[in-house]
Amino acid sequence: MNNPEYYRYIAVFAYYEDGISITFPDLPGCVSFGKDEDEAMKCAKEVLMLHLWGMEQDDMNIPAPSSLHSIELSKDEIPTMIEVFMPPFREKQNSRFVKKTLSIPYWLNLEAEHRGINFSKLLQNAIKQELKLS
């Protein structure tokens, strides 16, 4: 799969009394909200990166962005071009940790804690060994 380093899409900012609604016409379901323009810009970038990363992970076809002149707007809407640089975001997503809940016998937990076992490290090593990753 060829993942571009940069994506650039049009966000539509719709202004309301309580803040700014953010939608991306080319990406249904990619929506956010900000209380003011600064927060809306930040939220637009965050939601765009997360949405595109999810599409990449699901091996979905990412549509080509529309041009500014092709977007139809109502009177309280303003188009804003949002550009995101994906490599650092992908790295962060791929290296993040997830919390897992597991159960072991009480006596085994006591003995492991007594011996100073790092449960997370032990589980990571065991899974890598099981998957023959290293």
N, C-alpha and C. Protein backbone atom coordinates (compact mmCIF):
# COMPACT_ATOMS: atom_id res chain seq x y z
N MET A 1 0.84 -1.18 0.00
CA MET A 1 0.00 0.00 0.00
C MET A 1 0.88 1.24 0.00
N ASN A 2 0.56 2.20 -0.83
CA ASN A 2 1.32 3.44 -0.93
C ASN A 2 0.63 4.51 -0.10
N ASN A 3 1.21 4.88 1.02
CA ASN A 3 0.64 5.91 1.88
C ASN A 3 1.40 7.21 1.70
N PRO A 4 0.72 8.24 1.26
CA PRO A 4 1.39 9.54 1.10
C PRO A 4 1.86 10.10 2.44
N GLU A 5 2.87 10.93 2.38
CA GLU A 5 3.33 11.61 3.59
C GLU A 5 2.37 12.73 3.98
N TYR A 6 1.82 13.40 2.99
CA TYR A 6 0.90 14.51 3.22
C TYR A 6 -0.46 14.20 2.63
N TYR A 7 -1.48 14.65 3.33
CA TYR A 7 -2.84 14.66 2.78
C TYR A 7 -3.34 16.09 2.93
N ARG A 8 -4.18 16.51 2.00
CA ARG A 8 -4.77 17.85 2.07
C ARG A 8 -6.24 17.74 1.66
N TYR A 9 -7.13 18.10 2.58
CA TYR A 9 -8.57 18.03 2.33
C TYR A 9 -9.24 19.32 2.78
N ILE A 10 -10.40 19.57 2.20
CA ILE A 10 -11.19 20.73 2.57
C ILE A 10 -12.06 20.37 3.77
N ALA A 11 -11.96 21.18 4.80
CA ALA A 11 -12.86 21.09 5.94
C ALA A 11 -13.87 22.22 5.80
N VAL A 12 -15.10 21.94 6.15
CA VAL A 12 -16.12 22.98 6.15
C VAL A 12 -16.40 23.34 7.59
N PHE A 13 -16.16 24.60 7.93
CA PHE A 13 -16.44 25.11 9.27
C PHE A 13 -17.82 25.76 9.23
N ALA A 14 -18.71 25.24 10.06
CA ALA A 14 -20.06 25.81 10.17
C ALA A 14 -20.14 26.50 11.53
N TYR A 15 -20.48 27.77 11.51
CA TYR A 15 -20.47 28.59 12.72
C TYR A 15 -21.83 28.60 13.41
N TYR A 16 -21.80 28.29 14.71
CA TYR A 16 -23.00 28.29 15.54
C TYR A 16 -22.71 29.12 16.79
N GLU A 17 -23.73 29.41 17.57
CA GLU A 17 -23.55 30.21 18.79
C GLU A 17 -22.59 29.55 19.77
N ASP A 18 -22.62 28.22 19.85
CA ASP A 18 -21.80 27.52 20.85
C ASP A 18 -20.48 27.00 20.29
N GLY A 19 -20.16 27.28 19.04
CA GLY A 19 -18.89 26.84 18.50
C GLY A 19 -18.93 26.58 17.00
N ILE A 20 -17.96 25.79 16.55
CA ILE A 20 -17.77 25.55 15.12
C ILE A 20 -17.82 24.06 14.85
N SER A 21 -18.73 23.67 14.00
CA SER A 21 -18.84 22.28 13.56
C SER A 21 -17.88 22.08 12.38
N ILE A 22 -17.21 20.94 12.34
CA ILE A 22 -16.22 20.67 11.31
C ILE A 22 -16.61 19.39 10.57
N THR A 23 -16.74 19.49 9.25
CA THR A 23 -16.99 18.31 8.42
C THR A 23 -16.03 18.32 7.24
N PHE A 24 -15.82 17.15 6.69
CA PHE A 24 -14.97 16.99 5.51
C PHE A 24 -15.84 16.38 4.41
N PRO A 25 -16.25 17.16 3.42
CA PRO A 25 -17.16 16.66 2.39
C PRO A 25 -16.67 15.39 1.67
N ASP A 26 -15.36 15.24 1.52
CA ASP A 26 -14.82 14.07 0.83
C ASP A 26 -14.72 12.84 1.72
N LEU A 27 -14.90 13.03 3.03
CA LEU A 27 -14.69 11.94 3.99
C LEU A 27 -15.88 11.83 4.93
N PRO A 28 -16.95 11.17 4.50
CA PRO A 28 -18.12 11.02 5.37
C PRO A 28 -17.73 10.39 6.70
N GLY A 29 -18.28 10.94 7.77
CA GLY A 29 -17.98 10.43 9.11
C GLY A 29 -16.79 11.10 9.77
N CYS A 30 -16.05 11.89 9.03
CA CYS A 30 -14.91 12.61 9.59
C CYS A 30 -15.43 13.97 10.05
N VAL A 31 -15.78 14.06 11.33
CA VAL A 31 -16.40 15.26 11.89
C VAL A 31 -15.78 15.61 13.23
N SER A 32 -15.87 16.87 13.59
CA SER A 32 -15.38 17.31 14.89
C SER A 32 -16.07 18.62 15.23
N PHE A 33 -15.63 19.22 16.33
CA PHE A 33 -16.23 20.46 16.82
C PHE A 33 -15.19 21.23 17.62
N GLY A 34 -15.20 22.54 17.52
CA GLY A 34 -14.31 23.38 18.31
C GLY A 34 -15.07 24.57 18.86
N LYS A 35 -14.65 25.04 20.02
CA LYS A 35 -15.36 26.17 20.64
C LYS A 35 -15.02 27.50 19.97
N ASP A 36 -13.84 27.57 19.32
CA ASP A 36 -13.45 28.78 18.60
C ASP A 36 -12.59 28.35 17.40
N GLU A 37 -12.12 29.32 16.62
CA GLU A 37 -11.38 28.97 15.40
C GLU A 37 -10.05 28.28 15.70
N ASP A 38 -9.33 28.70 16.74
CA ASP A 38 -8.07 28.03 17.07
C ASP A 38 -8.30 26.57 17.42
N GLU A 39 -9.28 26.32 18.28
CA GLU A 39 -9.57 24.93 18.66
C GLU A 39 -10.10 24.15 17.47
N ALA A 40 -10.91 24.78 16.62
CA ALA A 40 -11.46 24.10 15.45
C ALA A 40 -10.34 23.67 14.49
N MET A 41 -9.35 24.52 14.29
CA MET A 41 -8.22 24.15 13.42
C MET A 41 -7.47 22.95 13.99
N LYS A 42 -7.22 22.99 15.29
CA LYS A 42 -6.52 21.88 15.95
C LYS A 42 -7.34 20.59 15.84
N CYS A 43 -8.62 20.68 16.13
CA CYS A 43 -9.49 19.50 16.07
C CYS A 43 -9.61 18.97 14.64
N ALA A 44 -9.64 19.87 13.67
CA ALA A 44 -9.74 19.45 12.27
C ALA A 44 -8.52 18.63 11.87
N LYS A 45 -7.34 19.08 12.25
CA LYS A 45 -6.13 18.32 11.93
C LYS A 45 -6.13 16.96 12.62
N GLU A 46 -6.49 16.95 13.91
CA GLU A 46 -6.49 15.70 14.66
C GLU A 46 -7.47 14.69 14.08
N VAL A 47 -8.70 15.14 13.81
CA VAL A 47 -9.70 14.20 13.31
C VAL A 47 -9.34 13.73 11.89
N LEU A 48 -8.75 14.60 11.08
CA LEU A 48 -8.35 14.20 9.74
C LEU A 48 -7.26 13.13 9.78
N MET A 49 -6.25 13.33 10.63
CA MET A 49 -5.19 12.32 10.74
C MET A 49 -5.74 10.99 11.23
N LEU A 50 -6.57 11.04 12.25
CA LEU A 50 -7.11 9.80 12.81
C LEU A 50 -8.01 9.08 11.80
N HIS A 51 -8.83 9.83 11.11
CA HIS A 51 -9.73 9.24 10.11
C HIS A 51 -8.94 8.59 8.97
N LEU A 52 -7.97 9.32 8.44
CA LEU A 52 -7.17 8.77 7.34
C LEU A 52 -6.35 7.57 7.79
N TRP A 53 -5.78 7.63 8.98
CA TRP A 53 -5.00 6.50 9.50
C TRP A 53 -5.90 5.28 9.63
N GLY A 54 -7.12 5.47 10.11
CA GLY A 54 -8.07 4.36 10.22
C GLY A 54 -8.40 3.78 8.86
N MET A 55 -8.57 4.63 7.87
CA MET A 55 -8.83 4.15 6.51
C MET A 55 -7.64 3.37 5.98
N GLU A 56 -6.43 3.86 6.25
CA GLU A 56 -5.22 3.13 5.83
C GLU A 56 -5.17 1.76 6.50
N GLN A 57 -5.45 1.72 7.81
CA GLN A 57 -5.40 0.45 8.54
C GLN A 57 -6.43 -0.54 8.02
N ASP A 58 -7.58 -0.04 7.60
CA ASP A 58 -8.64 -0.90 7.07
C ASP A 58 -8.47 -1.16 5.58
N ASP A 59 -7.36 -0.69 5.00
CA ASP A 59 -7.06 -0.85 3.58
C ASP A 59 -8.19 -0.33 2.69
N MET A 60 -8.76 0.80 3.12
CA MET A 60 -9.85 1.42 2.36
C MET A 60 -9.29 2.36 1.30
N ASN A 61 -10.05 2.55 0.26
CA ASN A 61 -9.69 3.48 -0.79
C ASN A 61 -9.86 4.91 -0.25
N ILE A 62 -8.81 5.68 -0.27
CA ILE A 62 -8.87 7.07 0.20
C ILE A 62 -9.15 7.96 -1.01
N PRO A 63 -10.26 8.68 -0.98
CA PRO A 63 -10.65 9.46 -2.16
C PRO A 63 -9.73 10.64 -2.42
N ALA A 64 -9.67 11.01 -3.67
CA ALA A 64 -8.93 12.22 -4.04
C ALA A 64 -9.69 13.42 -3.49
N PRO A 65 -8.98 14.43 -3.03
CA PRO A 65 -9.67 15.62 -2.48
C PRO A 65 -10.34 16.44 -3.57
N SER A 66 -11.46 17.01 -3.22
CA SER A 66 -12.17 17.92 -4.13
C SER A 66 -11.43 19.24 -4.21
N SER A 67 -11.76 20.00 -5.23
CA SER A 67 -11.18 21.35 -5.33
C SER A 67 -12.08 22.33 -4.57
N LEU A 68 -11.51 23.43 -4.16
CA LEU A 68 -12.26 24.43 -3.39
C LEU A 68 -13.50 24.94 -4.12
N HIS A 69 -13.40 25.14 -5.42
CA HIS A 69 -14.53 25.71 -6.15
C HIS A 69 -15.68 24.73 -6.35
N SER A 70 -15.47 23.44 -6.04
CA SER A 70 -16.54 22.46 -6.22
C SER A 70 -17.37 22.23 -4.97
N ILE A 71 -16.99 22.85 -3.86
CA ILE A 71 -17.69 22.66 -2.59
C ILE A 71 -18.87 23.63 -2.50
N GLU A 72 -20.06 23.09 -2.22
CA GLU A 72 -21.24 23.93 -2.05
C GLU A 72 -21.40 24.24 -0.56
N LEU A 73 -21.63 25.51 -0.28
CA LEU A 73 -21.69 25.96 1.11
C LEU A 73 -22.96 26.74 1.39
N SER A 74 -23.38 26.71 2.65
CA SER A 74 -24.48 27.58 3.07
C SER A 74 -23.87 28.88 3.60
N LYS A 75 -24.72 29.82 4.00
CA LYS A 75 -24.22 31.16 4.36
C LYS A 75 -23.33 31.17 5.61
N ASP A 76 -23.50 30.23 6.53
CA ASP A 76 -22.69 30.22 7.75
C ASP A 76 -21.51 29.25 7.68
N GLU A 77 -21.16 28.80 6.49
CA GLU A 77 -20.08 27.84 6.32
C GLU A 77 -18.90 28.46 5.58
N ILE A 78 -17.70 28.05 5.99
CA ILE A 78 -16.48 28.54 5.35
C ILE A 78 -15.57 27.34 5.07
N PRO A 79 -15.08 27.23 3.83
CA PRO A 79 -14.14 26.13 3.54
C PRO A 79 -12.75 26.47 4.04
N THR A 80 -12.09 25.49 4.58
CA THR A 80 -10.73 25.67 5.08
C THR A 80 -9.89 24.49 4.64
N MET A 81 -8.75 24.75 4.04
CA MET A 81 -7.87 23.67 3.61
C MET A 81 -7.07 23.18 4.81
N ILE A 82 -7.14 21.87 5.05
CA ILE A 82 -6.41 21.26 6.16
C ILE A 82 -5.39 20.29 5.58
N GLU A 83 -4.13 20.50 5.94
CA GLU A 83 -3.05 19.62 5.48
C GLU A 83 -2.44 18.93 6.70
N VAL A 84 -2.20 17.62 6.55
CA VAL A 84 -1.61 16.86 7.64
C VAL A 84 -0.40 16.09 7.13
N PHE A 85 0.61 15.98 7.98
CA PHE A 85 1.83 15.22 7.72
C PHE A 85 1.72 13.93 8.51
N MET A 86 1.62 12.80 7.83
CA MET A 86 1.24 11.54 8.46
C MET A 86 2.36 10.72 9.11
N PRO A 87 3.62 10.75 8.65
CA PRO A 87 4.61 9.84 9.25
C PRO A 87 4.72 9.89 10.77
N PRO A 88 4.80 11.06 11.42
CA PRO A 88 4.89 11.04 12.89
C PRO A 88 3.61 10.50 13.54
N PHE A 89 2.47 10.80 12.93
CA PHE A 89 1.21 10.30 13.49
C PHE A 89 1.14 8.78 13.36
N ARG A 90 1.51 8.25 12.20
CA ARG A 90 1.52 6.79 12.03
C ARG A 90 2.43 6.13 13.04
N GLU A 91 3.62 6.70 13.23
CA GLU A 91 4.58 6.13 14.19
C GLU A 91 4.01 6.13 15.59
N LYS A 92 3.39 7.24 15.97
CA LYS A 92 2.80 7.33 17.30
C LYS A 92 1.69 6.29 17.47
N GLN A 93 0.84 6.15 16.48
CA GLN A 93 -0.26 5.19 16.56
C GLN A 93 0.27 3.75 16.62
N ASN A 94 1.27 3.46 15.83
CA ASN A 94 1.79 2.09 15.76
C ASN A 94 2.62 1.71 16.98
N SER A 95 3.12 2.70 17.71
CA SER A 95 3.96 2.39 18.87
C SER A 95 3.25 2.63 20.20
N ARG A 96 1.98 3.00 20.14
CA ARG A 96 1.25 3.24 21.39
C ARG A 96 0.98 1.91 22.10
N PHE A 97 0.76 2.01 23.36
CA PHE A 97 0.47 0.83 24.17
C PHE A 97 -1.03 0.72 24.38
N VAL A 98 -1.49 -0.51 24.52
CA VAL A 98 -2.89 -0.77 24.83
C VAL A 98 -2.96 -1.52 26.15
N LYS A 99 -3.98 -1.25 26.89
CA LYS A 99 -4.15 -1.90 28.19
C LYS A 99 -4.94 -3.18 27.98
N LYS A 100 -4.46 -4.27 28.56
CA LYS A 100 -5.14 -5.56 28.49
C LYS A 100 -5.46 -6.01 29.90
N THR A 101 -6.60 -6.59 30.07
CA THR A 101 -6.98 -7.17 31.35
C THR A 101 -6.82 -8.68 31.24
N LEU A 102 -6.17 -9.26 32.24
CA LEU A 102 -5.99 -10.70 32.23
C LEU A 102 -6.15 -11.23 33.64
N SER A 103 -6.31 -12.53 33.73
CA SER A 103 -6.49 -13.16 35.04
C SER A 103 -5.44 -14.24 35.23
N ILE A 104 -4.85 -14.25 36.43
CA ILE A 104 -3.93 -15.32 36.82
C ILE A 104 -4.31 -15.75 38.24
N PRO A 105 -3.93 -16.94 38.64
CA PRO A 105 -4.26 -17.37 40.00
C PRO A 105 -3.64 -16.43 41.04
N TYR A 106 -4.35 -16.25 42.12
CA TYR A 106 -3.93 -15.36 43.20
C TYR A 106 -2.54 -15.71 43.71
N TRP A 107 -2.29 -16.99 43.96
CA TRP A 107 -1.00 -17.42 44.51
C TRP A 107 0.14 -17.10 43.56
N LEU A 108 -0.13 -17.20 42.21
CA LEU A 108 0.90 -16.92 41.22
C LEU A 108 1.21 -15.41 41.19
N ASN A 109 0.16 -14.61 41.31
CA ASN A 109 0.34 -13.16 41.38
C ASN A 109 1.20 -12.77 42.58
N LEU A 110 0.90 -13.35 43.74
CA LEU A 110 1.68 -13.03 44.95
C LEU A 110 3.15 -13.39 44.77
N GLU A 111 3.41 -14.57 44.24
CA GLU A 111 4.80 -15.01 44.06
C GLU A 111 5.53 -14.14 43.04
N ALA A 112 4.85 -13.81 41.95
CA ALA A 112 5.46 -12.97 40.92
C ALA A 112 5.77 -11.57 41.46
N GLU A 113 4.84 -10.99 42.20
CA GLU A 113 5.08 -9.68 42.80
C GLU A 113 6.22 -9.74 43.82
N HIS A 114 6.25 -10.82 44.60
CA HIS A 114 7.32 -11.00 45.58
C HIS A 114 8.70 -11.03 44.91
N ARG A 115 8.75 -11.60 43.72
CA ARG A 115 10.01 -11.70 42.98
C ARG A 115 10.26 -10.50 42.06
N GLY A 116 9.39 -9.52 42.09
CA GLY A 116 9.60 -8.30 41.31
C GLY A 116 9.38 -8.47 39.81
N ILE A 117 8.50 -9.37 39.43
CA ILE A 117 8.23 -9.60 38.00
C ILE A 117 7.52 -8.39 37.40
N ASN A 118 7.99 -7.94 36.24
CA ASN A 118 7.33 -6.89 35.47
C ASN A 118 6.35 -7.60 34.53
N PHE A 119 5.07 -7.57 34.88
CA PHE A 119 4.06 -8.32 34.13
C PHE A 119 3.98 -7.88 32.67
N SER A 120 4.03 -6.58 32.42
CA SER A 120 3.93 -6.09 31.04
C SER A 120 5.09 -6.58 30.19
N LYS A 121 6.29 -6.48 30.71
CA LYS A 121 7.46 -6.92 29.96
C LYS A 121 7.43 -8.42 29.72
N LEU A 122 7.05 -9.18 30.74
CA LEU A 122 6.96 -10.63 30.61
C LEU A 122 5.95 -11.04 29.55
N LEU A 123 4.78 -10.40 29.57
CA LEU A 123 3.75 -10.72 28.59
C LEU A 123 4.20 -10.33 27.18
N GLN A 124 4.82 -9.17 27.02
CA GLN A 124 5.32 -8.76 25.70
C GLN A 124 6.33 -9.78 25.17
N ASN A 125 7.27 -10.18 26.02
CA ASN A 125 8.28 -11.16 25.60
C ASN A 125 7.66 -12.50 25.25
N ALA A 126 6.69 -12.93 26.04
CA ALA A 126 6.02 -14.21 25.76
C ALA A 126 5.26 -14.18 24.44
N ILE A 127 4.58 -13.07 24.17
CA ILE A 127 3.84 -12.95 22.91
C ILE A 127 4.79 -12.91 21.73
N LYS A 128 5.88 -12.16 21.85
CA LYS A 128 6.89 -12.12 20.77
C LYS A 128 7.45 -13.52 20.51
N GLN A 129 7.73 -14.24 21.58
CA GLN A 129 8.26 -15.61 21.43
C GLN A 129 7.22 -16.51 20.76
N GLU A 130 5.99 -16.43 21.19
CA GLU A 130 4.91 -17.24 20.60
C GLU A 130 4.74 -16.94 19.11
N LEU A 131 4.87 -15.66 18.76
CA LEU A 131 4.70 -15.25 17.35
C LEU A 131 5.99 -15.35 16.55
N LYS A 132 7.07 -15.79 17.22
CA LYS A 132 8.39 -15.92 16.61
C LYS A 132 8.85 -14.61 15.97
N LEU A 133 8.67 -13.51 16.74
CA LEU A 133 9.07 -12.19 16.26
C LEU A 133 10.49 -11.82 16.67
N SER A 134 11.00 -12.38 17.73
CA SER A 134 12.40 -12.14 18.10
C SER A 134 12.81 -13.00 19.27
